[in-house]
Protein backbone atom coordinates (compact mmCIF):
# COMPACT_ATOMS: atom_id res chain seq x y z
CA MET A 1 116.16 108.62 43.38
CA GLU A 2 117.81 108.38 46.90
CA PRO A 3 116.32 109.89 49.87
CA PRO A 4 117.92 113.03 51.11
CA GLU A 5 121.12 112.32 54.11
CA GLU A 6 119.09 114.60 56.65
CA LEU A 7 116.23 111.64 56.47
CA GLU A 8 119.07 108.82 56.23
CA THR A 9 120.83 110.16 59.45
CA LEU A 10 117.37 110.78 61.13
CA ALA A 11 116.68 106.77 60.24
CA MET A 12 119.75 105.65 61.56
CA ASP A 13 119.36 107.56 64.62
CA PHE A 14 115.79 106.65 65.76
CA SER A 15 116.95 103.00 65.23
CA MET A 16 119.99 103.66 67.47
CA ARG A 17 117.33 104.90 70.35
CA VAL A 18 114.94 102.02 69.98
CA THR A 19 118.09 99.28 70.00
CA ALA A 20 119.17 101.37 72.83
CA MET A 21 114.97 101.20 74.36
CA GLN A 22 115.59 97.32 74.83
CA ASN A 23 117.55 97.65 77.90
CA PRO A 24 115.34 97.24 80.87
CA ASN A 25 116.45 100.37 82.79
CA VAL A 26 115.07 102.81 80.32
CA GLY A 27 113.37 106.10 81.46
CA ARG A 28 110.79 108.81 80.61
CA VAL A 29 113.45 110.85 79.53
CA GLU A 30 114.93 108.28 76.67
CA ILE A 31 111.06 107.69 75.86
CA ARG A 32 110.43 111.15 75.47
CA GLU A 33 113.65 111.75 73.08
CA LYS A 34 112.65 108.53 71.41
CA ASN A 35 109.10 109.59 70.74
CA LEU A 36 110.43 113.33 70.02
CA VAL A 37 112.89 111.77 67.36
CA LYS A 38 110.20 109.38 66.16
CA LYS A 39 107.63 112.24 65.32
CA ARG A 40 110.11 114.32 63.76
CA LEU A 41 111.37 111.03 61.48
CA VAL A 42 107.53 110.27 60.52
CA LYS A 43 107.11 113.96 59.30
CA ASP A 44 109.86 114.21 57.39
CA ILE A 45 109.16 111.07 55.90
CA ARG A 46 105.62 111.93 54.76
CA ALA A 47 107.04 115.44 53.16
CA PHE A 48 109.63 112.85 51.36
CA ILE A 49 106.97 110.65 50.73
CA GLN A 50 104.25 113.64 49.24
CA GLY A 51 107.05 115.21 47.29
CA PHE A 52 109.00 112.64 45.64
CA ILE A 53 106.67 110.15 45.31
CA SER A 54 103.28 110.62 45.69
CA LYS A 55 103.09 113.48 43.14
CA ASN A 56 106.17 111.49 40.50
CA PRO A 57 104.50 110.99 37.03
CA PHE A 58 107.24 108.89 36.65
CA VAL A 59 106.48 106.51 39.64
CA THR A 60 103.51 104.18 38.50
CA GLU A 61 100.76 102.48 40.46
CA ALA A 62 102.84 99.07 40.83
CA ASP A 63 105.90 101.23 42.13
CA LYS A 64 103.44 102.99 44.89
CA LEU A 65 102.18 98.91 46.04
CA SER A 66 105.25 97.52 46.29
CA MET A 67 106.31 100.07 48.61
CA GLY A 68 103.30 99.67 50.30
CA LEU A 69 101.59 103.01 49.69
CA ARG A 70 98.29 103.79 49.18
CA VAL A 71 96.91 104.05 45.94
CA HIS A 72 94.31 106.81 44.65
CA ASP A 73 90.92 105.03 43.33
CA THR A 74 90.11 106.83 40.52
CA ILE A 75 86.90 105.16 40.52
CA PRO A 76 83.99 106.81 41.70
CA THR A 77 81.73 105.25 44.11
CA THR A 78 78.00 104.78 42.66
CA ILE A 79 75.77 106.09 44.72
CA LEU A 80 72.29 104.28 44.87
CA ASP A 81 69.30 105.89 44.24
CA PRO A 82 66.85 106.32 47.10
CA VAL A 83 64.16 103.92 47.19
CA GLY A 84 62.41 103.62 50.57
CA LEU A 85 59.70 105.68 52.02
CA ALA A 86 59.55 108.10 54.55
CA THR A 87 57.17 109.33 56.51
CA ALA A 88 56.70 111.12 59.82
CA THR A 89 55.14 110.76 63.27
CA ILE A 90 53.65 114.36 64.39
CA THR A 91 53.71 116.00 67.99
CA PHE A 92 52.89 119.51 69.45
CA PRO A 93 56.08 121.03 71.37
CA SER A 94 54.71 124.20 71.97
CA SER A 95 52.18 126.84 70.85
CA MET A 96 52.25 127.75 66.56
CA GLN A 97 55.09 124.53 66.48
CA LEU A 98 54.55 121.10 65.36
CA MET A 99 58.00 118.48 65.25
CA LEU A 100 57.77 116.06 62.47
CA HIS A 101 59.79 112.43 63.71
CA LEU A 102 61.19 111.34 60.96
CA LYS A 103 61.24 107.36 59.59
CA SER A 104 61.17 104.98 56.93
CA VAL A 105 57.80 103.26 56.01
CA GLU A 106 57.65 100.32 57.76
CA GLU A 107 57.43 97.11 55.14
CA THR A 108 59.14 99.13 51.79
CA GLN A 109 62.24 98.44 50.44
CA ASP A 110 65.31 99.74 51.88
CA ASP A 111 68.74 100.27 51.87
CA PRO A 112 70.23 103.23 54.31
CA ARG A 113 73.87 103.36 51.77
CA ALA A 114 71.42 105.03 49.36
CA TYR A 115 69.77 108.02 51.69
CA TYR A 116 71.63 111.44 52.83
CA GLY A 117 68.56 112.35 54.29
CA TYR A 118 65.12 113.83 53.95
CA ARG A 119 63.52 116.21 51.93
CA ILE A 120 60.30 117.66 53.36
CA TYR A 121 57.84 119.18 51.38
CA TYR A 122 55.09 121.07 53.37
CA GLY A 123 52.41 123.44 53.11
CA VAL A 124 49.67 125.63 55.41
CA TYR A 125 46.29 125.68 53.83
CA PRO A 126 43.03 127.49 55.82
CA GLN A 127 40.29 124.94 56.95
CA GLY A 128 37.55 124.06 53.63
CA GLU A 129 40.11 124.30 51.42
CA THR A 130 41.04 121.75 49.03
CA PRO A 131 44.07 120.35 50.44
CA PRO A 132 46.83 119.37 48.29
CA ARG A 133 46.77 115.68 46.39
CA ASP A 134 49.93 114.99 46.63
CA GLY A 135 53.87 116.26 47.44
CA LEU A 136 53.57 118.03 44.54
CA ASP A 137 51.55 120.55 45.35
CA LEU A 138 53.19 121.83 48.27
CA ARG A 139 54.84 124.95 47.65
CA GLN A 140 57.59 124.97 50.14
CA SER A 141 60.93 122.36 50.96
CA ARG A 142 63.43 122.10 53.81
CA PHE A 143 66.42 119.54 53.21
CA THR A 144 67.43 117.88 56.62
CA ARG A 145 69.50 115.33 57.89
CA ARG A 146 68.53 114.75 61.45
CA SER A 147 65.94 112.74 62.36
CA LYS A 148 63.57 115.52 64.05
CA GLU A 149 62.32 118.29 62.50
CA ARG A 150 60.79 121.20 64.49
CA PHE A 151 58.20 123.73 62.20
CA THR A 152 57.59 127.20 63.83
CA PHE A 153 54.83 128.68 61.99
CA LEU A 154 53.51 132.19 61.90
CA PRO A 155 50.53 133.20 64.34
CA SER A 156 48.30 134.12 61.73
CA ASP A 157 48.48 130.20 60.95
CA ILE A 158 46.98 128.97 64.29
CA GLY A 159 44.00 127.07 63.29
CA LYS A 160 45.41 126.00 59.41
CA SER A 161 46.64 122.35 57.91
CA ALA A 162 49.94 121.91 58.05
CA PHE A 163 50.41 119.11 55.27
CA PHE A 164 53.56 116.89 54.60
CA SER A 165 55.02 115.00 52.06
CA ILE A 166 58.46 113.36 52.55
CA ARG A 167 61.17 111.83 50.12
CA TYR A 168 64.62 110.25 50.95
CA GLU A 169 67.54 112.64 48.81
CA ASN A 170 70.96 111.03 48.29
CA SER A 171 73.82 113.23 48.33
CA LYS A 172 73.64 113.59 44.66
CA GLY A 173 70.18 115.35 45.24
CA LYS A 174 68.42 112.28 43.44
CA ALA A 175 65.09 112.02 45.42
CA GLY A 176 63.46 109.06 46.11
CA PRO A 177 59.21 108.41 45.66
CA TRP A 178 56.59 110.65 47.65
CA GLY A 179 56.33 109.56 51.10
CA PRO A 180 52.16 109.62 52.20
CA MET A 181 50.66 112.68 52.95
CA ILE A 182 50.29 113.46 56.49
CA SER A 183 48.87 116.51 58.23
CA ALA A 184 47.56 118.03 61.38
CA LEU A 185 46.38 121.25 62.76
CA ILE A 186 48.45 123.79 63.60
CA PRO A 187 48.51 124.61 67.48
């Protein structure tokens, strides 16, 4: 398959301009013209490659490699399951608010490639009520990719205990092991 005649003309024009650029007395106007021709040539070459080579079922991967083109990877990248534990320290930015500063539990197995974000399970319990045993007992959850997460509670929650348990979660939705249960009184 031959490239279009216009593409060959553009390439020849570009090579003549590059040769002319070897002259030490080149001005800004010539450089600007060369850059415009180069930009048009790159655009036309990309359109030709996309239209006639990349999408052509008769062009093999070996042909694409011999032309220096990128071959698309058809094997999906494996995403590891999270194995590390996540926890947080709690600060009190204002009334009815808690700020969680998320981090890994020290001395746990850690592979950041397996982590996409944090799944924070939480619940509000009145004083004197039986606290949750683990994250499965917490009713609500929130996903975040940030290292800080602010929780704002209702005025009726002031004085109650907020419990949190955090898990890493990868991009496939697979969650890691439960982190330790942490709690604080809602100011």
